[in-house]
Amino acid sequence: MRYVSLLALPLMVATASPALAKGCVRGAAAGAVGGHFVGKGHAMMGAAAGCVIAHHHYAKKARAEKAAMHR
């Protein structure tokens, strides 16, 4: 499992563009703290998951605002 996370994290970082990374830092920080309290070695996985979840939230919010603007 450790090797999977070591491979997946750089791939996710390489495919994300800076303009689309809104919320990633905040989500990564929250996920890292949560993963730290879950157990040893889970902070990195928590940070990656937090980044993905926060990015999804902000992207969905931006799409909703854009749709509302065009009405």
N, C-alpha and C. Protein backbone atom coordinates (compact mmCIF):
# COMPACT_ATOMS: atom_id res chain seq x y z
N MET A 1 0.83 -1.19 0.00
CA MET A 1 0.00 0.00 0.00
C MET A 1 0.87 1.25 0.00
N ARG A 2 1.98 1.18 0.69
CA ARG A 2 2.86 2.34 0.77
C ARG A 2 3.40 2.71 -0.61
N TYR A 3 3.74 1.68 -1.40
CA TYR A 3 4.28 1.94 -2.73
C TYR A 3 3.23 2.54 -3.66
N VAL A 4 1.99 2.14 -3.48
CA VAL A 4 0.92 2.69 -4.31
C VAL A 4 0.77 4.19 -4.04
N SER A 5 0.80 4.58 -2.78
CA SER A 5 0.66 6.00 -2.46
C SER A 5 1.89 6.79 -2.91
N LEU A 6 3.05 6.17 -2.89
CA LEU A 6 4.25 6.85 -3.35
C LEU A 6 4.22 7.07 -4.86
N LEU A 7 3.55 6.20 -5.58
CA LEU A 7 3.43 6.36 -7.03
C LEU A 7 2.26 7.26 -7.40
N ALA A 8 1.17 7.17 -6.67
CA ALA A 8 -0.04 7.90 -7.03
C ALA A 8 0.09 9.39 -6.74
N LEU A 9 0.72 9.76 -5.67
CA LEU A 9 0.81 11.17 -5.31
C LEU A 9 1.56 12.01 -6.36
N PRO A 10 2.73 11.60 -6.82
CA PRO A 10 3.39 12.41 -7.86
C PRO A 10 2.59 12.47 -9.16
N LEU A 11 1.90 11.40 -9.49
CA LEU A 11 1.09 11.41 -10.71
C LEU A 11 -0.07 12.38 -10.58
N MET A 12 -0.69 12.45 -9.42
CA MET A 12 -1.78 13.39 -9.22
C MET A 12 -1.27 14.83 -9.25
N VAL A 13 -0.11 15.07 -8.66
CA VAL A 13 0.46 16.41 -8.65
C VAL A 13 0.85 16.84 -10.06
N ALA A 14 1.39 15.91 -10.85
CA ALA A 14 1.83 16.23 -12.20
C ALA A 14 0.66 16.55 -13.12
N THR A 15 -0.50 15.95 -12.88
CA THR A 15 -1.64 16.17 -13.76
C THR A 15 -2.48 17.37 -13.36
N ALA A 16 -2.29 17.89 -12.18
CA ALA A 16 -3.08 19.04 -11.72
C ALA A 16 -2.44 20.33 -12.18
N SER A 17 -3.22 21.21 -12.73
CA SER A 17 -2.68 22.51 -13.12
C SER A 17 -2.88 23.50 -11.97
N PRO A 18 -2.01 24.47 -11.82
CA PRO A 18 -2.12 25.40 -10.70
C PRO A 18 -3.44 26.19 -10.68
N ALA A 19 -3.99 26.47 -11.86
CA ALA A 19 -5.23 27.23 -11.90
C ALA A 19 -6.41 26.44 -11.36
N LEU A 20 -6.33 25.11 -11.41
CA LEU A 20 -7.43 24.28 -10.95
C LEU A 20 -7.23 23.76 -9.54
N ALA A 21 -6.21 24.23 -8.85
CA ALA A 21 -5.87 23.68 -7.54
C ALA A 21 -6.51 24.45 -6.38
N LYS A 22 -7.56 25.20 -6.65
CA LYS A 22 -8.18 25.97 -5.59
C LYS A 22 -8.73 25.03 -4.51
N GLY A 23 -8.40 25.29 -3.28
CA GLY A 23 -8.89 24.49 -2.17
C GLY A 23 -8.01 23.31 -1.83
N CYS A 24 -7.05 23.00 -2.68
CA CYS A 24 -6.22 21.82 -2.47
C CYS A 24 -5.37 21.96 -1.20
N VAL A 25 -4.79 23.12 -0.98
CA VAL A 25 -3.90 23.30 0.17
C VAL A 25 -4.70 23.19 1.47
N ARG A 26 -5.85 23.82 1.51
CA ARG A 26 -6.69 23.76 2.71
C ARG A 26 -7.15 22.33 2.98
N GLY A 27 -7.58 21.64 1.94
CA GLY A 27 -8.03 20.25 2.09
C GLY A 27 -6.89 19.32 2.46
N ALA A 28 -5.72 19.56 1.88
CA ALA A 28 -4.56 18.73 2.19
C ALA A 28 -4.14 18.90 3.65
N ALA A 29 -4.20 20.11 4.14
CA ALA A 29 -3.83 20.35 5.54
C ALA A 29 -4.81 19.63 6.48
N ALA A 30 -6.09 19.76 6.19
CA ALA A 30 -7.09 19.09 7.04
C ALA A 30 -6.96 17.58 6.95
N GLY A 31 -6.73 17.06 5.74
CA GLY A 31 -6.57 15.62 5.57
C GLY A 31 -5.33 15.09 6.25
N ALA A 32 -4.25 15.85 6.22
CA ALA A 32 -3.01 15.42 6.87
C ALA A 32 -3.18 15.35 8.38
N VAL A 33 -3.86 16.32 8.94
CA VAL A 33 -4.11 16.29 10.39
C VAL A 33 -4.98 15.09 10.75
N GLY A 34 -6.03 14.88 9.97
CA GLY A 34 -6.91 13.73 10.23
C GLY A 34 -6.17 12.41 10.07
N GLY A 35 -5.35 12.30 9.02
CA GLY A 35 -4.58 11.08 8.80
C GLY A 35 -3.55 10.85 9.89
N HIS A 36 -2.98 11.92 10.41
CA HIS A 36 -2.00 11.80 11.49
C HIS A 36 -2.63 11.17 12.72
N PHE A 37 -3.86 11.56 13.02
CA PHE A 37 -4.51 11.02 14.20
C PHE A 37 -5.04 9.61 13.99
N VAL A 38 -5.21 9.20 12.73
CA VAL A 38 -5.67 7.83 12.45
C VAL A 38 -4.56 6.84 12.75
N GLY A 39 -3.36 7.14 12.34
CA GLY A 39 -2.26 6.22 12.61
C GLY A 39 -1.00 6.62 11.88
N LYS A 40 0.07 5.94 12.21
CA LYS A 40 1.37 6.26 11.64
C LYS A 40 1.36 6.01 10.13
N GLY A 41 1.83 7.00 9.38
CA GLY A 41 1.93 6.86 7.95
C GLY A 41 0.70 7.24 7.17
N HIS A 42 -0.37 7.62 7.83
CA HIS A 42 -1.61 7.95 7.12
C HIS A 42 -1.74 9.43 6.81
N ALA A 43 -0.80 10.25 7.25
CA ALA A 43 -0.90 11.69 7.01
C ALA A 43 -0.79 12.00 5.52
N MET A 44 0.10 11.32 4.80
CA MET A 44 0.25 11.57 3.37
C MET A 44 -1.00 11.15 2.60
N MET A 45 -1.55 10.01 2.94
CA MET A 45 -2.77 9.56 2.27
C MET A 45 -3.92 10.50 2.60
N GLY A 46 -3.98 10.97 3.84
CA GLY A 46 -5.02 11.91 4.24
C GLY A 46 -4.88 13.23 3.50
N ALA A 47 -3.64 13.68 3.31
CA ALA A 47 -3.40 14.93 2.59
C ALA A 47 -3.83 14.80 1.13
N ALA A 48 -3.50 13.68 0.51
CA ALA A 48 -3.90 13.47 -0.89
C ALA A 48 -5.41 13.41 -1.02
N ALA A 49 -6.06 12.68 -0.13
CA ALA A 49 -7.52 12.58 -0.18
C ALA A 49 -8.17 13.93 0.11
N GLY A 50 -7.64 14.66 1.07
CA GLY A 50 -8.18 15.98 1.39
C GLY A 50 -8.05 16.94 0.23
N CYS A 51 -6.94 16.87 -0.48
CA CYS A 51 -6.73 17.72 -1.65
C CYS A 51 -7.77 17.41 -2.72
N VAL A 52 -7.97 16.14 -3.01
CA VAL A 52 -8.94 15.73 -4.04
C VAL A 52 -10.35 16.15 -3.66
N ILE A 53 -10.73 15.92 -2.42
CA ILE A 53 -12.09 16.24 -1.98
C ILE A 53 -12.33 17.75 -2.00
N ALA A 54 -11.38 18.53 -1.49
CA ALA A 54 -11.56 19.99 -1.48
C ALA A 54 -11.57 20.55 -2.89
N HIS A 55 -10.72 20.01 -3.77
CA HIS A 55 -10.73 20.48 -5.16
C HIS A 55 -12.08 20.18 -5.81
N HIS A 56 -12.62 19.01 -5.57
CA HIS A 56 -13.93 18.65 -6.12
C HIS A 56 -15.01 19.60 -5.62
N HIS A 57 -14.96 19.92 -4.34
CA HIS A 57 -15.95 20.83 -3.75
C HIS A 57 -15.89 22.21 -4.41
N TYR A 58 -14.68 22.76 -4.54
CA TYR A 58 -14.54 24.10 -5.13
C TYR A 58 -14.86 24.10 -6.62
N ALA A 59 -14.54 23.01 -7.33
CA ALA A 59 -14.87 22.94 -8.76
C ALA A 59 -16.39 22.88 -8.95
N LYS A 60 -17.07 22.13 -8.10
CA LYS A 60 -18.52 22.04 -8.18
C LYS A 60 -19.16 23.40 -7.86
N LYS A 61 -18.60 24.09 -6.88
CA LYS A 61 -19.10 25.42 -6.52
C LYS A 61 -18.90 26.41 -7.66
N ALA A 62 -17.75 26.34 -8.32
CA ALA A 62 -17.47 27.24 -9.44
C ALA A 62 -18.40 26.96 -10.62
N ARG A 63 -18.69 25.68 -10.90
CA ARG A 63 -19.62 25.34 -11.97
C ARG A 63 -21.01 25.86 -11.67
N ALA A 64 -21.44 25.77 -10.41
CA ALA A 64 -22.76 26.26 -10.03
C ALA A 64 -22.84 27.78 -10.18
N GLU A 65 -21.78 28.47 -9.78
CA GLU A 65 -21.76 29.94 -9.92
C GLU A 65 -21.75 30.35 -11.39
N LYS A 66 -21.03 29.62 -12.21
CA LYS A 66 -20.97 29.92 -13.63
C LYS A 66 -22.32 29.68 -14.29
N ALA A 67 -23.01 28.61 -13.89
CA ALA A 67 -24.34 28.33 -14.44
C ALA A 67 -25.34 29.38 -14.01
N ALA A 68 -25.23 29.84 -12.76
CA ALA A 68 -26.14 30.86 -12.26
C ALA A 68 -25.91 32.21 -12.96
N MET A 69 -24.67 32.45 -13.36
CA MET A 69 -24.33 33.71 -14.02
C MET A 69 -24.89 33.75 -15.44
N HIS A 70 -25.01 32.61 -16.07
CA HIS A 70 -25.49 32.55 -17.45
C HIS A 70 -27.02 32.50 -17.55
N ARG A 71 -27.70 32.47 -16.47
CA ARG A 71 -29.18 32.41 -16.52
C ARG A 71 -29.78 33.75 -16.68
